[in-house]
Every structure is written in structure tokens, then in C-alpha cells.
Amino acid sequence: MPQGVLLQKLLDVGEKRLELMDRQGISQAVLSCSPGAEELPIADSIAVCRATNDALYQLTRRHPDRFLGSAILPVGDVDAAQKELERCVKEYGFVSWHTHSNYGDTSADHPRYRPLFHKAAELGVYVYLHPQLPKGQRYEGFGFTFAGPGLGFTVDTVTMLQGDLAGGHHHRYVPDLLPGRGVPDGAAQHGAGLHP
């Protein structure tokens, strides 16, 4: 988790952020939420994701020509998550679903989550896949240096993407998003570009 000055910059979505964007030639930014709400007990996750998305929408309204929203979803209840994504896109104009490479004991490539990717495709929004710390016995003992941003983020994200593509899940749900490739429009961070 970023600390100090970096954390303050990340949390600033006011004039200082706009000045920084202007200096860098960035006309718009997509605001999203960190992981955590996805792993809460289902009833709590539904309430926290909804409240977070509502708050995020209010932030985007301060500068609607500069800030766009990306929904966080209660993935533990796939039906509720689909409804929340649809609400965020249709009512708030959100442009993406910000998800993570794992949700504690499951990962985004599990077949149970395929309807969420299908819903994103149906709504025409992209999926922003952010890494999470790798979970499981295989990574115990490596410490934060390996399991964290240094290498763990890349390992977890690439493993999730490989499982998803090798399993052919996207071909069953969203065959026409990227012509000839059968994968949804999206972005993956922290080294996932290493994935072929």
C-alpha cells in the first residue's frame, strides 16, 4: 500500500490532480477503488460496493469532463454484481469494471465469474484487471518482496489470464469484442503485459 506523499497524491482528485494531469497532457482519468470490498461477506460486500460506487460517482460529478468512473462489484454474488455493473453504467455512465486477479480463495478466471465478463461486454465497458497479492500455500514463505508488487502481482495476474484464456471462457461468452481474438476489451497492470 502506498504511503506518505504518494498516498496523498493518489487520494487527491481535486485541483492538484487536475494540475498534474494538465502538466502530463492527460485529458481524462478513470477513478477506481482498491481491493477489499470484493472479499467481504456477501451482504456486506453488496452494501459496501454500492456505497463505494455512489461515492465514486459523486467524485466524478465534480469534474465530469475530466473524471470517469470504474465500478467495484460484489463478486461473491454474481447476480448482484451484474445488477450493480448495469446500474453503474446506465445510471452513472461508468466506463469500466475494476476487478482484481483474485478474491481471496478464488480468482477472476473461475468459470463462476464468466457472466460478469459477459455483462461487461454486453454493456460495452472494459475490464480493468488489477493484480492482488497471490494467495495459497504455494506462495507462503516467500515474503512480501516476492508475493507483493515486486513479482507477486505479475505472477498472480498472468496466472489468472492464462487460466482464463486456456480455459476458453471468453470464447463462450464474448466472441465478438475484439475481432478474431474472442477476448473482452480490457487492461491488466503490473507486468501482465508479459502475457503473450
Protein backbone atom coordinates (compact mmCIF):
# COMPACT_ATOMS: atom_id res chain seq x y z
CA MET A 1 0.00 0.00 0.00
CA PRO A 2 1.46 3.39 -0.96
CA GLN A 3 2.34 5.62 1.96
CA GLY A 4 3.15 9.26 2.64
CA VAL A 5 3.32 11.68 -0.26
CA LEU A 6 2.39 9.07 -2.87
CA LEU A 7 -0.75 8.06 -0.97
CA GLN A 8 -1.81 11.69 -0.66
CA LYS A 9 -1.35 12.18 -4.43
CA LEU A 10 -3.42 9.08 -5.17
CA LEU A 11 -6.25 10.24 -2.92
CA ASP A 12 -6.33 13.79 -4.31
CA VAL A 13 -8.98 14.03 -7.01
CA GLY A 14 -9.27 17.81 -6.89
CA GLU A 15 -7.32 20.72 -8.27
CA LYS A 16 -3.87 19.25 -7.64
CA ARG A 17 -4.76 16.11 -9.60
CA LEU A 18 -6.15 18.22 -12.44
CA GLU A 19 -2.97 20.33 -12.49
CA LEU A 20 -0.84 17.18 -12.62
CA MET A 21 -2.98 15.77 -15.43
CA ASP A 22 -2.63 19.02 -17.36
CA ARG A 23 1.17 19.01 -16.95
CA GLN A 24 1.27 15.44 -18.27
CA GLY A 25 -1.12 16.12 -21.17
CA ILE A 26 -3.84 13.84 -19.77
CA SER A 27 -7.35 15.00 -20.65
CA GLN A 28 -9.34 12.38 -18.69
CA ALA A 29 -8.74 9.88 -15.91
CA VAL A 30 -10.73 6.87 -14.75
CA LEU A 31 -11.22 6.73 -10.98
CA SER A 32 -11.50 3.36 -9.26
CA CYS A 33 -11.31 1.64 -5.88
CA SER A 34 -8.71 -0.56 -4.21
CA PRO A 35 -9.45 -4.22 -3.38
CA GLY A 36 -11.19 -5.30 -0.23
CA ALA A 37 -14.92 -4.86 -0.77
CA GLU A 38 -14.95 -7.91 -3.05
CA GLU A 39 -13.77 -10.19 -0.24
CA LEU A 40 -16.26 -9.11 2.44
CA PRO A 41 -19.17 -11.38 3.44
CA ILE A 42 -21.73 -11.19 0.64
CA ALA A 43 -24.31 -8.90 2.29
CA ASP A 44 -21.56 -6.51 3.42
CA SER A 45 -19.88 -6.64 0.02
CA ILE A 46 -23.10 -5.71 -1.78
CA ALA A 47 -23.67 -2.73 0.54
CA VAL A 48 -20.05 -1.54 0.53
CA CYS A 49 -19.66 -1.85 -3.25
CA ARG A 50 -22.87 0.09 -3.81
CA ALA A 51 -21.85 2.83 -1.35
CA THR A 52 -18.36 2.99 -2.86
CA ASN A 53 -19.75 3.32 -6.38
CA ASP A 54 -22.15 6.03 -5.21
CA ALA A 55 -19.27 7.95 -3.63
CA LEU A 56 -17.11 7.47 -6.72
CA TYR A 57 -19.91 8.84 -8.88
CA GLN A 58 -20.08 11.95 -6.69
CA LEU A 59 -16.33 12.45 -7.18
CA THR A 60 -16.68 12.19 -10.96
CA ARG A 61 -19.51 14.76 -10.93
CA ARG A 62 -17.16 17.43 -9.59
CA HIS A 63 -15.30 17.40 -12.92
CA PRO A 64 -17.42 15.30 -15.31
CA ASP A 65 -15.38 16.29 -18.35
CA ARG A 66 -12.17 15.05 -16.68
CA PHE A 67 -13.07 12.11 -14.42
CA LEU A 68 -14.80 8.85 -15.37
CA GLY A 69 -15.86 6.02 -13.05
CA SER A 70 -14.97 2.34 -12.82
CA ALA A 71 -17.28 0.10 -10.77
CA ILE A 72 -16.24 -2.24 -7.98
CA LEU A 73 -18.57 -5.24 -7.76
CA PRO A 74 -19.70 -7.71 -5.07
CA VAL A 75 -18.36 -10.71 -6.98
CA GLY A 76 -19.37 -13.16 -4.25
CA ASP A 77 -22.94 -12.82 -5.59
CA VAL A 78 -22.64 -12.86 -9.37
CA ASP A 79 -26.30 -11.86 -9.93
CA ALA A 80 -25.97 -8.86 -7.60
CA ALA A 81 -22.66 -7.94 -9.24
CA GLN A 82 -24.24 -7.95 -12.71
CA LYS A 83 -27.05 -5.71 -11.48
CA GLU A 84 -24.59 -3.33 -9.83
CA LEU A 85 -22.49 -3.09 -13.00
CA GLU A 86 -25.59 -2.36 -15.06
CA ARG A 87 -26.68 0.32 -12.56
CA CYS A 88 -23.27 1.96 -12.59
CA VAL A 89 -23.08 2.01 -16.39
CA LYS A 90 -26.66 3.04 -17.12
CA GLU A 91 -27.26 5.47 -14.24
CA TYR A 92 -23.76 6.82 -13.64
CA GLY A 93 -22.09 6.44 -17.03
CA PHE A 94 -19.20 4.37 -15.66
CA VAL A 95 -16.85 3.14 -18.37
CA SER A 96 -15.38 0.03 -16.78
CA TRP A 97 -15.37 -2.65 -14.13
CA HIS A 98 -12.29 -2.54 -11.90
CA THR A 99 -11.60 -6.05 -10.70
CA HIS A 100 -8.70 -7.95 -9.21
CA SER A 101 -6.75 -11.08 -10.11
CA ASN A 102 -8.05 -12.92 -7.06
CA TYR A 103 -10.72 -12.56 -4.40
CA GLY A 104 -9.01 -14.43 -1.60
CA ASP A 105 -9.99 -18.05 -2.13
CA THR A 106 -10.99 -17.75 -5.81
CA SER A 107 -9.63 -15.89 -8.81
CA ALA A 108 -11.25 -13.97 -11.64
CA ASP A 109 -10.63 -16.80 -14.13
CA HIS A 110 -13.01 -19.15 -12.27
CA PRO A 111 -15.96 -20.08 -14.52
CA ARG A 112 -18.47 -18.75 -12.00
CA TYR A 113 -17.35 -15.18 -12.86
CA ARG A 114 -17.76 -15.53 -16.65
CA PRO A 115 -21.24 -13.95 -16.59
CA LEU A 116 -19.66 -10.77 -15.19
CA PHE A 117 -17.27 -10.55 -18.14
CA HIS A 118 -20.22 -11.21 -20.44
CA LYS A 119 -22.20 -8.40 -18.78
CA ALA A 120 -19.26 -6.01 -19.23
CA ALA A 121 -19.13 -6.93 -22.92
CA GLU A 122 -22.90 -6.55 -23.28
CA LEU A 123 -22.74 -3.09 -21.69
CA GLY A 124 -19.75 -2.06 -23.80
CA VAL A 125 -17.41 -1.34 -20.90
CA TYR A 126 -13.86 -2.53 -20.49
CA VAL A 127 -12.49 -4.66 -17.66
CA TYR A 128 -9.58 -3.22 -15.72
CA LEU A 129 -7.76 -6.14 -14.12
CA HIS A 130 -5.57 -5.07 -11.22
CA PRO A 131 -3.30 -7.57 -9.52
CA GLN A 132 -3.79 -8.76 -6.00
CA LEU A 133 -1.30 -10.46 -3.70
CA PRO A 134 -1.04 -14.14 -4.67
CA LYS A 135 -2.87 -16.41 -2.27
CA GLY A 136 -2.34 -20.03 -1.38
CA GLN A 137 0.11 -22.48 0.02
CA ARG A 138 2.40 -22.20 -2.99
CA TYR A 139 3.39 -18.63 -2.07
CA GLU A 140 3.71 -18.97 1.68
CA GLY A 141 7.20 -18.26 2.95
CA PHE A 142 8.28 -16.08 0.04
CA GLY A 143 7.52 -12.88 1.94
CA PHE A 144 6.17 -9.58 0.68
CA THR A 145 9.13 -8.97 -1.64
CA PHE A 146 8.08 -11.87 -3.83
CA ALA A 147 4.37 -12.02 -3.14
CA GLY A 148 3.85 -8.26 -3.37
CA PRO A 149 4.27 -5.72 -6.15
CA GLY A 150 7.85 -6.78 -6.93
CA LEU A 151 6.90 -10.04 -8.61
CA GLY A 152 3.78 -11.42 -6.96
CA PHE A 153 1.41 -9.05 -8.74
CA THR A 154 2.78 -10.20 -12.09
CA VAL A 155 2.63 -13.89 -11.13
CA ASP A 156 -0.97 -13.67 -9.91
CA THR A 157 -2.24 -11.64 -12.86
CA VAL A 158 -0.50 -13.72 -15.54
CA THR A 159 -1.68 -16.93 -13.85
CA MET A 160 -5.26 -15.63 -13.85
CA LEU A 161 -5.07 -14.53 -17.51
CA GLN A 162 -3.51 -17.81 -18.60
CA GLY A 163 -6.18 -19.81 -16.78
CA ASP A 164 -8.88 -17.70 -18.36
CA LEU A 165 -7.55 -17.95 -21.91
CA ALA A 166 -6.52 -21.61 -21.66
CA GLY A 167 -9.95 -22.47 -20.32
CA GLY A 168 -11.59 -20.84 -23.33
CA HIS A 169 -14.05 -18.98 -21.12
CA HIS A 170 -14.01 -15.80 -23.18
CA HIS A 171 -14.81 -17.72 -26.36
CA ARG A 172 -18.04 -18.98 -24.81
CA TYR A 173 -19.22 -15.58 -23.61
CA VAL A 174 -17.85 -12.72 -25.67
CA PRO A 175 -16.79 -13.90 -29.13
CA ASP A 176 -17.13 -10.59 -30.97
CA LEU A 177 -15.47 -7.96 -28.78
CA LEU A 178 -12.06 -7.96 -30.41
CA PRO A 179 -12.43 -9.34 -33.93
CA GLY A 180 -10.51 -12.56 -34.44
CA ARG A 181 -9.37 -12.81 -30.83
CA GLY A 182 -12.51 -13.59 -28.82
CA VAL A 183 -11.39 -11.74 -25.69
CA PRO A 184 -13.04 -8.82 -23.93
CA ASP A 185 -11.63 -5.34 -24.15
CA GLY A 186 -9.57 -4.69 -21.07
CA ALA A 187 -6.36 -3.70 -19.40
CA ALA A 188 -4.11 -5.58 -16.99
CA GLN A 189 -1.49 -3.91 -14.83
CA HIS A 190 1.84 -4.56 -13.09
CA GLY A 191 3.60 -6.78 -15.57
CA ALA A 192 0.63 -8.57 -17.07
CA GLY A 193 1.89 -7.25 -20.39
CA LEU A 194 4.37 -10.11 -20.15
CA HIS A 195 1.48 -12.42 -21.00
CA PRO A 196 1.50 -13.42 -24.70
